[in-house]
Amino acid sequence: MRAVFRGLRESLAMTGVGRIERTRGILICFIGIDGSGKSTLAHYARDLLLAQGIPTNLVWGGYELYFLGPMVRTVRKVVMKHSGGSQDYPRYQQSLERIGKARLLFTVYQYLLVLEYVVQVAIKIGAPLLLGRNVVSDRYVFDTAVSISANFGLSVDEQRHLTDWLLRVCPKPDLVFCVDVPATLAMTRKDDIPSIEYVSRRRECYRNMLGQYGIELIDGSNNLGQVKAQLEARLRRLWATTEQDRAAGA
């Protein structure tokens, strides 16, 4: 394994044509529902790379409220007032979906959210990549698309359109791992998930993306040692592909 990462580290220092032979760093993303274990694996991947001397940043790649905070909090307040609060998740979800059906209002709301998120991605992920730094991202554009889709009842096609647009304006990841677990297991791992319906709805949105965007599935319900071994094996395959690219470009 040390030899694998030694070769990977050497290739990252080179320029040229290939998946890793370039000045831009590599971007590895972990996505999935709350309680799936993606944060644990993101930290492990970062630590694994750093232990081999490969410069790597770990970032939280989800959407964070900044300038739009007052607007979003106002929307939530109105929704909770008409739905009885987020404790009654089905009614709360129905209220959000009514906003989604108000096309003009929702279009403006979504545009502002996405615009702020794209700026965050450019600062936290885009800039380090351009400087040659490698990035492991805990959540990414896929999670933001899932959150919007699940909250406002977007169709599968609408979710795909939003994801496609985000990937056109944000850095394209080199590896994407979707860490998947049953909703019932996720509920036992985290005590701040509103309801089983909340996490089940989001899991369905993630599973709608499987087979697209090069997303690779990790079964987060497996033994952690097995999951880590799967991750390490995938990095070995990445290195093998890099070697082939280097040989082809020689």
C-alpha atoms as a PDB file:
ATOM      1  CA  MET A   1       0.000   0.000   0.000  1.00  0.00           C
ATOM      2  CA  ARG A   2       2.846   2.405   0.730  1.00  0.00           C
ATOM      3  CA  ALA A   3       4.200   1.882  -2.792  1.00  0.00           C
ATOM      4  CA  VAL A   4       0.770   2.660  -4.218  1.00  0.00           C
ATOM      5  CA  PHE A   5       0.541   5.991  -2.446  1.00  0.00           C
ATOM      6  CA  ARG A   6       4.174   6.808  -3.130  1.00  0.00           C
ATOM      7  CA  GLY A   7       3.436   6.549  -6.835  1.00  0.00           C
ATOM      8  CA  LEU A   8       0.265   8.572  -6.445  1.00  0.00           C
ATOM      9  CA  ARG A   9       2.168  11.304  -4.607  1.00  0.00           C
ATOM     10  CA  GLU A  10       4.815  11.442  -7.333  1.00  0.00           C
ATOM     11  CA  SER A  11       2.233  11.680 -10.082  1.00  0.00           C
ATOM     12  CA  LEU A  12       0.450  14.556  -8.332  1.00  0.00           C
ATOM     13  CA  ALA A  13       3.659  16.562  -8.514  1.00  0.00           C
ATOM     14  CA  MET A  14       3.849  16.201 -12.297  1.00  0.00           C
ATOM     15  CA  THR A  15       2.172  18.161 -15.055  1.00  0.00           C
ATOM     16  CA  GLY A  16       0.788  16.870 -18.305  1.00  0.00           C
ATOM     17  CA  VAL A  17      -2.286  15.167 -19.650  1.00  0.00           C
ATOM     18  CA  GLY A  18      -4.093  12.542 -17.582  1.00  0.00           C
ATOM     19  CA  ARG A  19      -6.558  12.175 -14.740  1.00  0.00           C
ATOM     20  CA  ILE A  20      -4.013  13.156 -12.076  1.00  0.00           C
ATOM     21  CA  GLU A  21      -0.997  14.363 -14.080  1.00  0.00           C
ATOM     22  CA  ARG A  22      -1.938  18.040 -13.965  1.00  0.00           C
ATOM     23  CA  THR A  23      -1.505  21.118 -11.882  1.00  0.00           C
ATOM     24  CA  ARG A  24      -5.094  20.981 -10.589  1.00  0.00           C
ATOM     25  CA  GLY A  25      -5.557  18.839  -7.511  1.00  0.00           C
ATOM     26  CA  ILE A  26      -7.882  15.881  -7.295  1.00  0.00           C
ATOM     27  CA  LEU A  27     -11.378  16.130  -5.811  1.00  0.00           C
ATOM     28  CA  ILE A  28     -12.858  13.186  -3.910  1.00  0.00           C
ATOM     29  CA  CYS A  29     -16.414  13.512  -2.609  1.00  0.00           C
ATOM     30  CA  PHE A  30     -18.459  11.581  -0.071  1.00  0.00           C
ATOM     31  CA  ILE A  31     -22.221  11.974  -0.311  1.00  0.00           C
ATOM     32  CA  GLY A  32     -25.251  10.335   1.293  1.00  0.00           C
ATOM     33  CA  ILE A  33     -27.970  10.679   3.891  1.00  0.00           C
ATOM     34  CA  ASP A  34     -27.352  11.792   7.461  1.00  0.00           C
ATOM     35  CA  GLY A  35     -26.059   8.903   9.546  1.00  0.00           C
ATOM     36  CA  SER A  36     -24.606   7.010   6.579  1.00  0.00           C
ATOM     37  CA  GLY A  37     -20.996   7.384   7.757  1.00  0.00           C
ATOM     38  CA  LYS A  38     -19.770   9.662   4.962  1.00  0.00           C
ATOM     39  CA  SER A  39     -18.064  12.072   7.346  1.00  0.00           C
ATOM     40  CA  THR A  40     -16.150   9.216   8.984  1.00  0.00           C
ATOM     41  CA  LEU A  41     -14.939   8.002   5.582  1.00  0.00           C
ATOM     42  CA  ALA A  42     -14.069  11.505   4.399  1.00  0.00           C
ATOM     43  CA  HIS A  43     -11.832  11.977   7.437  1.00  0.00           C
ATOM     44  CA  TYR A  44     -10.290   8.549   6.878  1.00  0.00           C
ATOM     45  CA  ALA A  45      -9.523   9.297   3.220  1.00  0.00           C
ATOM     46  CA  ARG A  46      -7.930  12.628   4.161  1.00  0.00           C
ATOM     47  CA  ASP A  47      -5.834  11.033   6.889  1.00  0.00           C
ATOM     48  CA  LEU A  48      -4.793   8.204   4.571  1.00  0.00           C
ATOM     49  CA  LEU A  49      -3.539  10.652   1.954  1.00  0.00           C
ATOM     50  CA  LEU A  50      -1.800  12.897   4.470  1.00  0.00           C
ATOM     51  CA  ALA A  51      -0.056   9.899   6.032  1.00  0.00           C
ATOM     52  CA  GLN A  52       1.525   9.226   2.655  1.00  0.00           C
ATOM     53  CA  GLY A  53       2.690  12.832   2.271  1.00  0.00           C
ATOM     54  CA  ILE A  54      -0.024  13.809  -0.233  1.00  0.00           C
ATOM     55  CA  PRO A  55      -1.202  17.388   0.535  1.00  0.00           C
ATOM     56  CA  THR A  56      -4.959  17.188   1.057  1.00  0.00           C
ATOM     57  CA  ASN A  57      -7.652  19.510   2.412  1.00  0.00           C
ATOM     58  CA  LEU A  58     -10.786  18.204   4.092  1.00  0.00           C
ATOM     59  CA  VAL A  59     -13.768  20.512   3.583  1.00  0.00           C
ATOM     60  CA  TRP A  60     -17.455  20.478   4.413  1.00  0.00           C
ATOM     61  CA  GLY A  61     -18.932  20.813   0.943  1.00  0.00           C
ATOM     62  CA  GLY A  62     -22.571  21.300   1.874  1.00  0.00           C
ATOM     63  CA  TYR A  63     -24.519  24.544   1.646  1.00  0.00           C
ATOM     64  CA  GLU A  64     -24.051  26.956   4.549  1.00  0.00           C
ATOM     65  CA  LEU A  65     -26.307  29.924   5.269  1.00  0.00           C
ATOM     66  CA  TYR A  66     -24.586  33.295   5.151  1.00  0.00           C
ATOM     67  CA  PHE A  67     -26.057  36.262   3.312  1.00  0.00           C
ATOM     68  CA  LEU A  68     -29.352  34.487   2.601  1.00  0.00           C
ATOM     69  CA  GLY A  69     -29.789  33.415   6.220  1.00  0.00           C
ATOM     70  CA  PRO A  70     -32.519  35.979   7.045  1.00  0.00           C
ATOM     71  CA  MET A  71     -34.504  35.061   3.918  1.00  0.00           C
ATOM     72  CA  VAL A  72     -34.292  31.308   4.528  1.00  0.00           C
ATOM     73  CA  ARG A  73     -35.187  31.674   8.200  1.00  0.00           C
ATOM     74  CA  THR A  74     -38.214  33.761   7.221  1.00  0.00           C
ATOM     75  CA  VAL A  75     -39.379  31.089   4.785  1.00  0.00           C
ATOM     76  CA  ARG A  76     -38.940  28.400   7.444  1.00  0.00           C
ATOM     77  CA  LYS A  77     -40.854  30.485   9.974  1.00  0.00           C
ATOM     78  CA  VAL A  78     -43.782  30.922   7.578  1.00  0.00           C
ATOM     79  CA  VAL A  79     -43.781  27.231   6.675  1.00  0.00           C
ATOM     80  CA  MET A  80     -43.694  26.093  10.307  1.00  0.00           C
ATOM     81  CA  LYS A  81     -46.503  28.522  11.200  1.00  0.00           C
ATOM     82  CA  HIS A  82     -48.785  26.957   8.589  1.00  0.00           C
ATOM     83  CA  SER A  83     -47.722  23.350   9.199  1.00  0.00           C
ATOM     84  CA  GLY A  84     -47.610  23.181  12.978  1.00  0.00           C
ATOM     85  CA  GLY A  85     -43.831  22.955  13.114  1.00  0.00           C
ATOM     86  CA  SER A  86     -41.204  20.572  11.769  1.00  0.00           C
ATOM     87  CA  GLN A  87     -42.206  17.976  14.414  1.00  0.00           C
ATOM     88  CA  ASP A  88     -45.205  17.164  12.194  1.00  0.00           C
ATOM     89  CA  TYR A  89     -42.963  16.312   9.253  1.00  0.00           C
ATOM     90  CA  PRO A  90     -45.652  15.263   6.713  1.00  0.00           C
ATOM     91  CA  ARG A  91     -47.482  18.590   7.089  1.00  0.00           C
ATOM     92  CA  TYR A  92     -44.183  20.489   7.083  1.00  0.00           C
ATOM     93  CA  GLN A  93     -43.168  18.711   3.870  1.00  0.00           C
ATOM     94  CA  GLN A  94     -46.495  19.517   2.226  1.00  0.00           C
ATOM     95  CA  SER A  95     -46.011  23.200   3.030  1.00  0.00           C
ATOM     96  CA  LEU A  96     -42.552  23.156   1.431  1.00  0.00           C
ATOM     97  CA  GLU A  97     -43.923  21.452  -1.664  1.00  0.00           C
ATOM     98  CA  ARG A  98     -46.548  24.182  -2.041  1.00  0.00           C
ATOM     99  CA  ILE A  99     -43.662  26.639  -2.309  1.00  0.00           C
ATOM    100  CA  GLY A 100     -42.085  24.378  -4.916  1.00  0.00           C
ATOM    101  CA  LYS A 101     -45.253  24.545  -6.990  1.00  0.00           C
ATOM    102  CA  ALA A 102     -45.280  28.366  -6.906  1.00  0.00           C
ATOM    103  CA  ARG A 103     -42.931  28.392  -9.873  1.00  0.00           C
ATOM    104  CA  LEU A 104     -41.908  32.062  -9.944  1.00  0.00           C
ATOM    105  CA  LEU A 105     -41.347  32.280  -6.194  1.00  0.00           C
ATOM    106  CA  PHE A 106     -39.504  28.976  -6.105  1.00  0.00           C
ATOM    107  CA  THR A 107     -37.348  29.840  -9.134  1.00  0.00           C
ATOM    108  CA  VAL A 108     -36.142  33.056  -7.486  1.00  0.00           C
ATOM    109  CA  TYR A 109     -35.606  31.301  -4.138  1.00  0.00           C
ATOM    110  CA  GLN A 110     -33.694  28.415  -5.725  1.00  0.00           C
ATOM    111  CA  TYR A 111     -31.595  30.734  -7.878  1.00  0.00           C
ATOM    112  CA  LEU A 112     -30.452  32.759  -4.862  1.00  0.00           C
ATOM    113  CA  LEU A 113     -29.634  29.643  -2.827  1.00  0.00           C
ATOM    114  CA  VAL A 114     -27.681  28.060  -5.658  1.00  0.00           C
ATOM    115  CA  LEU A 115     -25.831  31.293  -6.407  1.00  0.00           C
ATOM    116  CA  GLU A 116     -24.635  31.596  -2.808  1.00  0.00           C
ATOM    117  CA  TYR A 117     -23.669  27.919  -2.766  1.00  0.00           C
ATOM    118  CA  VAL A 118     -21.627  28.180  -5.976  1.00  0.00           C
ATOM    119  CA  VAL A 119     -19.640  31.041  -4.442  1.00  0.00           C
ATOM    120  CA  GLN A 120     -18.956  28.898  -1.369  1.00  0.00           C
ATOM    121  CA  VAL A 121     -17.756  26.017  -3.551  1.00  0.00           C
ATOM    122  CA  ALA A 122     -15.456  28.344  -5.497  1.00  0.00           C
ATOM    123  CA  ILE A 123     -13.811  29.548  -2.282  1.00  0.00           C
ATOM    124  CA  LYS A 124     -13.630  26.299  -0.301  1.00  0.00           C
ATOM    125  CA  ILE A 125     -12.993  23.834  -3.134  1.00  0.00           C
ATOM    126  CA  GLY A 126     -12.293  25.554  -6.453  1.00  0.00           C
ATOM    127  CA  ALA A 127      -9.468  27.792  -5.219  1.00  0.00           C
ATOM    128  CA  PRO A 128      -7.471  25.019  -3.456  1.00  0.00           C
ATOM    129  CA  LEU A 129      -7.835  22.759  -6.503  1.00  0.00           C
ATOM    130  CA  LEU A 130      -6.496  25.445  -8.836  1.00  0.00           C
ATOM    131  CA  LEU A 131      -3.531  25.877  -6.515  1.00  0.00           C
ATOM    132  CA  GLY A 132      -2.745  22.176  -6.866  1.00  0.00           C
ATOM    133  CA  ARG A 133      -4.116  21.159  -3.491  1.00  0.00           C
ATOM    134  CA  ASN A 134      -6.120  17.936  -3.299  1.00  0.00           C
ATOM    135  CA  VAL A 135      -9.554  18.124  -1.691  1.00  0.00           C
ATOM    136  CA  VAL A 136     -11.691  15.557   0.107  1.00  0.00           C
ATOM    137  CA  SER A 137     -15.201  16.960   0.360  1.00  0.00           C
ATOM    138  CA  ASP A 138     -17.708  15.823   2.967  1.00  0.00           C
ATOM    139  CA  ARG A 139     -20.861  16.470   0.893  1.00  0.00           C
ATOM    140  CA  TYR A 140     -20.910  18.211  -2.465  1.00  0.00           C
ATOM    141  CA  VAL A 141     -23.233  19.551  -5.158  1.00  0.00           C
ATOM    142  CA  PHE A 142     -25.134  16.255  -5.228  1.00  0.00           C
ATOM    143  CA  ASP A 143     -26.198  16.714  -1.610  1.00  0.00           C
ATOM    144  CA  THR A 144     -27.342  20.268  -2.267  1.00  0.00           C
ATOM    145  CA  ALA A 145     -29.419  19.067  -5.233  1.00  0.00           C
ATOM    146  CA  VAL A 146     -30.891  16.272  -3.098  1.00  0.00           C
ATOM    147  CA  SER A 147     -31.770  18.672  -0.283  1.00  0.00           C
ATOM    148  CA  ILE A 148     -33.578  21.076  -2.623  1.00  0.00           C
ATOM    149  CA  SER A 149     -35.291  18.229  -4.474  1.00  0.00           C
ATOM    150  CA  ALA A 150     -36.467  16.477  -1.314  1.00  0.00           C
ATOM    151  CA  ASN A 151     -37.618  19.670   0.381  1.00  0.00           C
ATOM    152  CA  PHE A 152     -39.616  21.063  -2.518  1.00  0.00           C
ATOM    153  CA  GLY A 153     -40.802  17.898  -4.221  1.00  0.00           C
ATOM    154  CA  LEU A 154     -38.833  18.152  -7.455  1.00  0.00           C
ATOM    155  CA  SER A 155     -39.240  15.393 -10.024  1.00  0.00           C
ATOM    156  CA  VAL A 156     -36.385  13.067 -10.964  1.00  0.00           C
ATOM    157  CA  ASP A 157     -35.850  15.064 -14.162  1.00  0.00           C
ATOM    158  CA  GLU A 158     -35.821  18.361 -12.253  1.00  0.00           C
ATOM    159  CA  GLN A 159     -33.309  16.952  -9.784  1.00  0.00           C
ATOM    160  CA  ARG A 160     -31.099  15.788 -12.665  1.00  0.00           C
ATOM    161  CA  HIS A 161     -31.333  19.183 -14.363  1.00  0.00           C
ATOM    162  CA  LEU A 162     -30.289  20.964 -11.146  1.00  0.00           C
ATOM    163  CA  THR A 163     -27.406  18.542 -10.583  1.00  0.00           C
ATOM    164  CA  ASP A 164     -26.233  18.909 -14.202  1.00  0.00           C
ATOM    165  CA  TRP A 165     -26.239  22.693 -13.896  1.00  0.00           C
ATOM    166  CA  LEU A 166     -24.263  22.639 -10.648  1.00  0.00           C
ATOM    167  CA  LEU A 167     -21.656  20.357 -12.186  1.00  0.00           C
ATOM    168  CA  ARG A 168     -21.256  22.721 -15.139  1.00  0.00           C
ATOM    169  CA  VAL A 169     -20.320  25.639 -12.898  1.00  0.00           C
ATOM    170  CA  CYS A 170     -18.529  23.787 -10.067  1.00  0.00           C
ATOM    171  CA  PRO A 171     -15.356  21.656 -10.203  1.00  0.00           C
ATOM    172  CA  LYS A 172     -16.014  18.186 -11.550  1.00  0.00           C
ATOM    173  CA  PRO A 173     -15.053  15.537  -8.980  1.00  0.00           C
ATOM    174  CA  ASP A 174     -12.577  12.779  -9.784  1.00  0.00           C
ATOM    175  CA  LEU A 175     -14.232  10.301  -7.432  1.00  0.00           C
ATOM    176  CA  VAL A 176     -17.700  10.339  -5.891  1.00  0.00           C
ATOM    177  CA  PHE A 177     -18.677   7.859  -3.201  1.00  0.00           C
ATOM    178  CA  CYS A 178     -22.312   7.569  -2.188  1.00  0.00           C
ATOM    179  CA  VAL A 179     -22.421   5.985   1.263  1.00  0.00           C
ATOM    180  CA  ASP A 180     -25.775   4.241   1.545  1.00  0.00           C
ATOM    181  CA  VAL A 181     -27.545   2.759   4.577  1.00  0.00           C
ATOM    182  CA  PRO A 182     -31.186   1.870   5.284  1.00  0.00           C
ATOM    183  CA  ALA A 183     -33.189   4.747   6.715  1.00  0.00           C
ATOM    184  CA  THR A 184     -33.869   2.789   9.903  1.00  0.00           C
ATOM    185  CA  LEU A 185     -30.133   2.354  10.532  1.00  0.00           C
ATOM    186  CA  ALA A 186     -29.487   6.052   9.908  1.00  0.00           C
ATOM    187  CA  MET A 187     -32.107   6.901  12.535  1.00  0.00           C
ATOM    188  CA  THR A 188     -30.238   4.861  15.152  1.00  0.00           C
ATOM    189  CA  ARG A 189     -26.956   6.623  14.386  1.00  0.00           C
ATOM    190  CA  LYS A 190     -28.177  10.220  14.667  1.00  0.00           C
ATOM    191  CA  ASP A 191     -30.679  11.675  17.091  1.00  0.00           C
ATOM    192  CA  ASP A 192     -31.342  14.905  15.180  1.00  0.00           C
ATOM    193  CA  ILE A 193     -33.090  13.404  12.115  1.00  0.00           C
ATOM    194  CA  PRO A 194     -36.678  14.781  12.125  1.00  0.00           C
ATOM    195  CA  SER A 195     -38.417  11.568  11.040  1.00  0.00           C
ATOM    196  CA  ILE A 196     -38.088   8.340   9.089  1.00  0.00           C
ATOM    197  CA  GLU A 197     -39.945  10.013   6.209  1.00  0.00           C
ATOM    198  CA  TYR A 198     -37.338  12.781   6.109  1.00  0.00           C
ATOM    199  CA  VAL A 199     -34.380  10.450   5.670  1.00  0.00           C
ATOM    200  CA  SER A 200     -36.256   7.954   3.437  1.00  0.00           C
ATOM    201  CA  ARG A 201     -37.185  10.726   1.013  1.00  0.00           C
ATOM    202  CA  ARG A 202     -33.568  11.851   0.754  1.00  0.00           C
ATOM    203  CA  ARG A 203     -32.282   8.320   0.372  1.00  0.00           C
ATOM    204  CA  GLU A 204     -34.601   7.866  -2.610  1.00  0.00           C
ATOM    205  CA  CYS A 205     -33.187  11.035  -4.182  1.00  0.00           C
ATOM    206  CA  TYR A 206     -29.622   9.750  -3.765  1.00  0.00           C
ATOM    207  CA  ARG A 207     -30.510   6.379  -5.227  1.00  0.00           C
ATOM    208  CA  ASN A 208     -32.048   8.135  -8.237  1.00  0.00           C
ATOM    209  CA  MET A 209     -28.527   9.360  -9.074  1.00  0.00           C
ATOM    210  CA  LEU A 210     -26.817   5.975  -8.931  1.00  0.00           C
ATOM    211  CA  GLY A 211     -25.500   4.948 -12.324  1.00  0.00           C
ATOM    212  CA  GLN A 212     -24.921   8.598 -13.230  1.00  0.00           C
ATOM    213  CA  TYR A 213     -22.048  11.033 -12.735  1.00  0.00           C
ATOM    214  CA  GLY A 214     -19.604   8.196 -12.034  1.00  0.00           C
ATOM    215  CA  ILE A 215     -21.040   7.774  -8.532  1.00  0.00           C
ATOM    216  CA  GLU A 216     -19.727   4.685  -6.763  1.00  0.00           C
ATOM    217  CA  LEU A 217     -21.812   3.007  -4.076  1.00  0.00           C
ATOM    218  CA  ILE A 218     -20.460   2.126  -0.649  1.00  0.00           C
ATOM    219  CA  ASP A 219     -22.645   0.055   1.660  1.00  0.00           C
ATOM    220  CA  GLY A 220     -22.293   1.954   4.907  1.00  0.00           C
ATOM    221  CA  SER A 221     -24.054  -0.804   6.845  1.00  0.00           C
ATOM    222  CA  ASN A 222     -21.052  -3.088   6.380  1.00  0.00           C
ATOM    223  CA  ASN A 223     -18.341  -3.477   8.983  1.00  0.00           C
ATOM    224  CA  LEU A 224     -16.219  -0.325   9.096  1.00  0.00           C
ATOM    225  CA  GLY A 225     -13.071  -2.313   8.379  1.00  0.00           C
ATOM    226  CA  GLN A 226     -14.668  -3.692   5.216  1.00  0.00           C
ATOM    227  CA  VAL A 227     -15.733  -0.243   4.107  1.00  0.00           C
ATOM    228  CA  LYS A 228     -12.261   1.195   4.659  1.00  0.00           C
ATOM    229  CA  ALA A 229     -10.737  -1.682   2.711  1.00  0.00           C
ATOM    230  CA  GLN A 230     -13.121  -0.951  -0.175  1.00  0.00           C
ATOM    231  CA  LEU A 231     -12.042   2.682  -0.139  1.00  0.00           C
ATOM    232  CA  GLU A 232      -8.339   1.802  -0.148  1.00  0.00           C
ATOM    233  CA  ALA A 233      -8.898  -0.658  -3.010  1.00  0.00           C
ATOM    234  CA  ARG A 234     -10.568   2.077  -5.039  1.00  0.00           C
ATOM    235  CA  LEU A 235      -7.583   4.337  -4.545  1.00  0.00           C
ATOM    236  CA  ARG A 236      -5.329   1.546  -5.765  1.00  0.00           C
ATOM    237  CA  ARG A 237      -7.430   1.325  -8.940  1.00  0.00           C
ATOM    238  CA  LEU A 238      -7.120   5.085  -9.342  1.00  0.00           C
ATOM    239  CA  TRP A 239      -3.366   4.742  -9.243  1.00  0.00           C
ATOM    240  CA  ALA A 240      -3.460   1.893 -11.791  1.00  0.00           C
ATOM    241  CA  THR A 241      -5.480   4.101 -14.151  1.00  0.00           C
ATOM    242  CA  THR A 242      -3.008   6.923 -13.637  1.00  0.00           C
ATOM    243  CA  GLU A 243      -0.106   4.657 -14.538  1.00  0.00           C
ATOM    244  CA  GLN A 244      -1.864   3.664 -17.757  1.00  0.00           C
ATOM    245  CA  ASP A 245      -2.456   7.331 -18.641  1.00  0.00           C
ATOM    246  CA  ARG A 246       1.189   8.146 -18.012  1.00  0.00           C
ATOM    247  CA  ALA A 247       2.331   5.253 -20.206  1.00  0.00           C
ATOM    248  CA  ALA A 248      -0.039   6.322 -22.994  1.00  0.00           C
ATOM    249  CA  GLY A 249       1.239   9.899 -22.850  1.00  0.00           C
ATOM    250  CA  ALA A 250       4.922   8.937 -22.749  1.00  0.00           C
END
